[in-house]
Amino acid sequence: MFTVTVLAAPKSNALDPALIDSLRNAWGGGDAVWLAPDEAAEFPVPQVPGNRWDVWEDLQKMGVDLVVQPADSRKKQMLLADMDSTMIQQECIDELAEEAGVGDRVKDITARAMNGELDFEGALTERVGLLKGLPETVIQSVLANRITLMPGGPELVATMRANGAYAALVSGGFTSFTSEIAARLGFDENRANTLLADGGVLTGDVGRPILGKEAKVAALEEITARLSIGEDQVLAVGDGANDLGMLSRAGAGVALHAKPAVAAQCDIRINFGDLTALLYIQGYARDEFVL
């Protein structure tokens, strides 16, 4: 059996009960369960519908996300999350670059790297090099004034942890940001790169080895082994090309508001919902969320 989850952005009221009934009838689905009125519903189907992606494209035009996945073991025991543009709404290096006066140049490199057009490690070292001479105190200023949590993040982490899951934040960004964001959201651990500084000033370099795509996969392997759980029990979420390794290995790999080249390689794509969508696809109803 498989479960079809249909989602809309919170407070958009884009999910019409008639749409759910139409899909159920077309696909021979069972009774629908509403996880949140006008926002999220699910129903069982005996097999993956052959026209799933055609229907997905039609629903995208309506502001609706569609996910089809095996019905068994949907509630995961581990959350493995990217940080930039995933658990927070910004790219930290872009915000630092704005402070350094090289914002546009760095944003262009970031966008191309996240879309898989540039080698991640090379793109990171090039961007960090442009931050040379920036006072280290700017990091706290950026955290306080420029960084905002992605909607639904606190509920996602709190609800999964309350139900026994382990939460790890794994970023190609910097520990000076992941440590703060992980603490705010309640992650069990965080991994990222280290911005190097000397005398209170950024040197324009980053510690080695650089944490990129392979390191995120390594985190998946190491943490699941430590917890004695299978990779199928992991929910991974990210938006960039450097996330594809962990997204493909996890039991549920979610491309969240992802770059097109990244989303195209993932079966679970959330383009309209916020991070609470990751609870709905596990079968949690809104009244089960922990705030």
Protein backbone atom coordinates (compact mmCIF):
# COMPACT_ATOMS: atom_id res chain seq x y z
CA MET A 1 0.00 0.00 0.00
CA PHE A 2 0.98 3.60 -0.59
CA THR A 3 -0.11 6.88 0.96
CA VAL A 4 -0.97 9.97 -1.07
CA THR A 5 -0.48 13.22 0.83
CA VAL A 6 -1.86 16.44 -0.64
CA LEU A 7 -0.64 19.73 0.82
CA ALA A 8 -1.07 23.46 0.45
CA ALA A 9 0.69 26.40 2.04
CA PRO A 10 -0.55 27.19 5.57
CA LYS A 11 -3.44 29.68 5.66
CA SER A 12 -3.73 29.63 1.87
CA ASN A 13 -7.02 27.65 1.95
CA ALA A 14 -5.91 26.20 -1.39
CA LEU A 15 -6.93 22.63 -0.61
CA ASP A 16 -10.52 21.94 -1.67
CA PRO A 17 -12.26 18.78 -0.39
CA ALA A 18 -13.62 18.32 -3.92
CA LEU A 19 -10.05 18.03 -5.18
CA ILE A 20 -9.28 15.27 -2.67
CA ASP A 21 -12.44 13.38 -3.64
CA SER A 22 -11.57 13.70 -7.32
CA LEU A 23 -8.09 12.29 -6.78
CA ARG A 24 -9.38 9.44 -4.60
CA ASN A 25 -11.95 8.45 -7.20
CA ALA A 26 -9.47 8.64 -10.09
CA TRP A 27 -6.87 6.54 -8.30
CA GLY A 28 -9.14 4.06 -6.51
CA GLY A 29 -8.09 5.44 -3.15
CA GLY A 30 -9.47 4.71 0.29
CA ASP A 31 -11.08 7.11 2.75
CA ALA A 32 -9.39 10.48 3.14
CA VAL A 33 -8.03 11.66 6.46
CA TRP A 34 -7.72 15.42 6.96
CA LEU A 35 -4.52 16.22 8.83
CA ALA A 36 -5.33 19.95 8.85
CA PRO A 37 -8.47 21.63 7.45
CA ASP A 38 -7.92 23.18 3.99
CA GLU A 39 -4.17 22.44 4.28
CA ALA A 40 -3.28 18.74 4.35
CA ALA A 41 -5.06 15.47 3.65
CA GLU A 42 -4.03 11.89 2.91
CA PHE A 43 -5.56 8.69 1.57
CA PRO A 44 -4.31 5.18 0.77
CA VAL A 45 -3.88 3.76 -2.73
CA PRO A 46 -2.96 0.19 -3.71
CA GLN A 47 -0.14 1.25 -6.05
CA VAL A 48 1.74 4.31 -7.27
CA PRO A 49 -0.52 5.99 -9.85
CA GLY A 50 0.96 5.84 -13.32
CA ASN A 51 0.08 9.47 -14.03
CA ARG A 52 1.42 10.76 -10.71
CA TRP A 53 3.81 13.32 -12.20
CA ASP A 54 1.26 14.60 -14.72
CA VAL A 55 -1.16 15.20 -11.86
CA TRP A 56 1.66 16.71 -9.79
CA GLU A 57 2.32 19.27 -12.54
CA ASP A 58 -1.36 20.18 -12.72
CA LEU A 59 -1.57 20.60 -8.94
CA GLN A 60 1.54 22.80 -8.89
CA LYS A 61 -0.38 25.32 -10.98
CA MET A 62 -2.94 25.40 -8.16
CA GLY A 63 -0.37 25.93 -5.41
CA VAL A 64 -0.70 22.35 -4.17
CA ASP A 65 2.02 19.78 -3.39
CA LEU A 66 1.54 16.04 -3.94
CA VAL A 67 3.56 13.25 -2.32
CA VAL A 68 3.20 9.51 -2.89
CA GLN A 69 5.21 7.14 -0.70
CA PRO A 70 5.04 3.65 0.84
CA ALA A 71 2.50 3.52 3.65
CA ASP A 72 4.72 1.58 6.04
CA SER A 73 7.18 3.23 8.44
CA ARG A 74 6.40 6.81 7.46
CA LYS A 75 7.15 8.18 10.92
CA LYS A 76 10.93 8.49 10.95
CA GLN A 77 13.38 8.09 13.82
CA MET A 78 15.88 10.69 12.62
CA LEU A 79 15.79 14.15 11.05
CA LEU A 80 18.84 15.13 8.98
CA ALA A 81 18.53 18.73 7.86
CA ASP A 82 20.44 21.25 5.81
CA MET A 83 20.48 24.76 7.31
CA ASP A 84 20.73 27.54 4.71
CA SER A 85 17.45 28.12 2.84
CA THR A 86 16.08 25.06 4.66
CA MET A 87 15.94 25.54 8.44
CA ILE A 88 16.57 29.27 7.98
CA GLN A 89 15.31 31.53 5.21
CA GLN A 90 18.71 32.91 4.21
CA GLU A 91 22.14 31.81 2.95
CA CYS A 92 24.52 32.85 5.74
CA ILE A 93 27.47 33.44 3.44
CA ASP A 94 25.36 35.77 1.29
CA GLU A 95 24.41 37.80 4.36
CA LEU A 96 28.06 38.05 5.44
CA ALA A 97 28.94 39.13 1.91
CA GLU A 98 26.41 41.96 2.12
CA GLU A 99 28.27 43.23 5.18
CA ALA A 100 31.54 42.96 3.25
CA GLY A 101 30.17 44.88 0.28
CA VAL A 102 30.41 41.93 -2.14
CA GLY A 103 26.83 40.71 -1.84
CA ASP A 104 25.85 40.50 -5.50
CA ARG A 105 29.03 38.69 -6.51
CA VAL A 106 28.72 36.10 -3.76
CA LYS A 107 24.97 35.56 -4.27
CA ASP A 108 25.59 34.71 -7.92
CA ILE A 109 28.22 32.11 -6.98
CA THR A 110 25.95 30.67 -4.27
CA ALA A 111 23.00 30.28 -6.64
CA ARG A 112 25.12 28.53 -9.26
CA ALA A 113 26.72 26.22 -6.69
CA MET A 114 23.38 25.24 -5.16
CA ASN A 115 22.02 24.49 -8.62
CA GLY A 116 24.93 22.15 -9.27
CA GLU A 117 26.60 24.35 -11.87
CA LEU A 118 29.80 24.81 -9.83
CA ASP A 119 31.96 22.56 -7.70
CA PHE A 120 30.84 23.13 -4.11
CA GLU A 121 34.28 23.18 -2.52
CA GLY A 122 35.73 25.55 -5.10
CA ALA A 123 32.71 27.83 -4.88
CA LEU A 124 32.92 27.90 -1.07
CA THR A 125 36.61 28.79 -0.94
CA GLU A 126 36.10 31.51 -3.56
CA ARG A 127 33.24 33.08 -1.62
CA VAL A 128 35.00 32.84 1.74
CA GLY A 129 38.03 34.49 0.18
CA LEU A 130 35.89 37.54 -0.55
CA LEU A 131 35.14 37.88 3.18
CA LYS A 132 38.80 38.42 4.09
CA GLY A 133 39.25 41.28 6.54
CA LEU A 134 35.67 41.25 7.81
CA PRO A 135 35.49 41.68 11.61
CA GLU A 136 34.52 38.44 13.32
CA THR A 137 31.90 40.38 15.33
CA VAL A 138 29.85 40.73 12.13
CA ILE A 139 28.77 37.10 12.56
CA GLN A 140 26.75 37.90 15.69
CA SER A 141 25.31 40.97 14.02
CA VAL A 142 24.16 38.91 11.05
CA LEU A 143 22.66 36.27 13.35
CA ALA A 144 20.76 38.89 15.30
CA ASN A 145 19.58 41.08 12.43
CA ARG A 146 19.56 39.13 9.18
CA ILE A 147 18.75 35.48 9.98
CA THR A 148 15.18 34.23 10.37
CA LEU A 149 13.95 30.68 10.96
CA MET A 150 12.05 28.92 8.21
CA PRO A 151 8.34 28.70 9.14
CA GLY A 152 7.43 25.35 10.61
CA GLY A 153 10.96 24.54 11.75
CA PRO A 154 10.35 24.73 15.50
CA GLU A 155 7.28 22.48 15.17
CA LEU A 156 9.13 19.99 12.97
CA VAL A 157 12.07 19.51 15.32
CA ALA A 158 10.03 19.59 18.53
CA THR A 159 7.40 17.15 17.27
CA MET A 160 9.86 14.62 15.92
CA ARG A 161 12.00 14.76 19.05
CA ALA A 162 8.93 14.43 21.28
CA ASN A 163 8.17 11.22 19.38
CA GLY A 164 11.65 9.81 19.96
CA ALA A 165 13.51 10.98 16.85
CA TYR A 166 17.09 12.27 16.78
CA ALA A 167 17.74 15.60 15.03
CA ALA A 168 21.00 16.52 13.28
CA LEU A 169 21.75 19.78 11.48
CA VAL A 170 24.37 19.24 8.76
CA SER A 171 25.43 22.26 6.74
CA GLY A 172 27.93 23.28 4.12
CA GLY A 173 27.84 26.63 5.92
CA PHE A 174 29.60 27.55 9.14
CA THR A 175 29.66 26.31 12.73
CA SER A 176 29.34 29.88 14.01
CA PHE A 177 25.81 29.80 12.57
CA THR A 178 24.82 26.14 12.95
CA SER A 179 25.63 26.12 16.67
CA GLU A 180 23.23 29.02 17.25
CA ILE A 181 20.48 27.74 14.96
CA ALA A 182 20.75 24.21 16.35
CA ALA A 183 20.37 25.58 19.89
CA ARG A 184 17.38 27.71 18.92
CA LEU A 185 15.57 24.81 17.28
CA GLY A 186 16.59 22.03 19.65
CA PHE A 187 18.75 19.89 17.38
CA ASP A 188 20.73 17.14 19.08
CA GLU A 189 23.90 17.92 17.12
CA ASN A 190 25.25 20.07 14.31
CA ARG A 191 28.06 19.79 11.78
CA ALA A 192 29.43 22.49 9.46
CA ASN A 193 32.57 24.21 8.22
CA THR A 194 34.73 26.51 10.35
CA LEU A 195 35.39 30.10 9.31
CA LEU A 196 39.00 30.90 10.17
CA ALA A 197 39.85 34.12 11.98
CA ASP A 198 43.01 35.74 13.30
CA GLY A 199 43.04 38.64 15.73
CA GLY A 200 39.26 39.00 15.50
CA VAL A 201 39.32 39.30 11.69
CA LEU A 202 38.28 36.71 9.10
CA THR A 203 41.29 35.36 7.21
CA GLY A 204 39.38 34.59 4.04
CA ASP A 205 39.81 30.84 4.48
CA VAL A 206 37.89 27.92 5.91
CA GLY A 207 39.03 24.93 7.96
CA ARG A 208 39.82 21.65 6.25
CA PRO A 209 38.47 19.19 5.39
CA ILE A 210 35.56 21.07 3.84
CA LEU A 211 32.15 19.68 4.68
CA GLY A 212 30.25 19.23 1.42
CA LYS A 213 28.07 16.64 -0.29
CA GLU A 214 30.15 13.64 0.77
CA ALA A 215 30.34 14.80 4.38
CA LYS A 216 26.55 14.98 4.57
CA VAL A 217 26.35 11.38 3.40
CA ALA A 218 29.01 10.46 5.95
CA ALA A 219 26.91 12.10 8.67
CA LEU A 220 23.94 9.99 7.58
CA GLU A 221 26.04 6.83 7.76
CA GLU A 222 27.76 7.64 11.03
CA ILE A 223 24.72 8.81 12.96
CA THR A 224 22.43 5.96 11.84
CA ALA A 225 25.15 3.47 12.81
CA ARG A 226 25.52 5.12 16.20
CA LEU A 227 21.75 5.05 16.77
CA SER A 228 21.47 1.49 15.41
CA ILE A 229 18.76 2.46 12.94
CA GLY A 230 18.46 1.92 9.20
CA GLU A 231 18.83 4.69 6.65
CA ASP A 232 15.21 4.01 5.75
CA GLN A 233 14.31 5.50 9.14
CA VAL A 234 15.78 8.90 8.20
CA LEU A 235 13.92 11.95 6.97
CA ALA A 236 16.41 14.22 5.19
CA VAL A 237 15.64 17.71 3.91
CA GLY A 238 17.61 20.17 1.81
CA ASP A 239 17.47 22.47 -1.19
CA GLY A 240 20.86 22.41 -2.92
CA ALA A 241 22.96 20.16 -5.12
CA ASN A 242 25.24 19.35 -2.18
CA ASP A 243 22.22 17.80 -0.42
CA LEU A 244 21.44 15.27 -3.15
CA GLY A 245 23.64 12.53 -1.70
CA MET A 246 21.88 12.45 1.65
CA LEU A 247 18.45 12.99 0.07
CA SER A 248 18.88 9.96 -2.19
CA ARG A 249 20.07 7.74 0.68
CA ALA A 250 17.45 8.65 3.27
CA GLY A 251 14.19 6.76 3.60
CA ALA A 252 12.41 10.04 2.84
CA GLY A 253 14.49 12.67 1.03
CA VAL A 254 12.65 15.97 0.78
CA ALA A 255 13.56 18.72 -1.67
CA LEU A 256 12.21 21.83 0.10
CA HIS A 257 11.67 24.90 -2.10
CA ALA A 258 14.64 23.45 -3.96
CA LYS A 259 16.55 24.55 -7.02
CA PRO A 260 14.86 23.01 -10.13
CA ALA A 261 17.84 20.81 -10.96
CA VAL A 262 17.73 19.43 -7.40
CA ALA A 263 13.97 18.93 -7.17
CA ALA A 264 13.98 17.01 -10.45
CA GLN A 265 16.07 14.29 -8.78
CA CYS A 266 13.80 13.86 -5.74
CA ASP A 267 10.48 12.04 -5.42
CA ILE A 268 9.34 14.20 -2.49
CA ARG A 269 9.14 17.86 -3.46
CA ILE A 270 7.65 20.54 -1.22
CA ASN A 271 7.29 23.81 -3.11
CA PHE A 272 4.38 25.48 -1.31
CA GLY A 273 4.15 24.06 2.20
CA ASP A 274 6.52 25.09 4.98
CA LEU A 275 8.52 22.73 7.20
CA THR A 276 5.34 21.41 8.83
CA ALA A 277 4.78 19.62 5.50
CA LEU A 278 7.49 17.22 6.67
CA LEU A 279 5.25 16.28 9.59
CA TYR A 280 2.18 15.83 7.40
CA ILE A 281 3.97 13.44 5.04
CA GLN A 282 4.81 11.32 8.09
CA GLY A 283 1.13 11.18 9.00
CA TYR A 284 1.12 13.69 11.87
CA ALA A 285 -2.06 15.76 12.19
CA ARG A 286 -1.81 19.43 13.14
CA ASP A 287 -3.30 18.77 16.57
CA GLU A 288 -0.34 16.42 17.24
CA PHE A 289 2.26 19.13 16.62
CA VAL A 290 4.48 20.12 19.54
CA LEU A 291 5.13 23.86 19.72
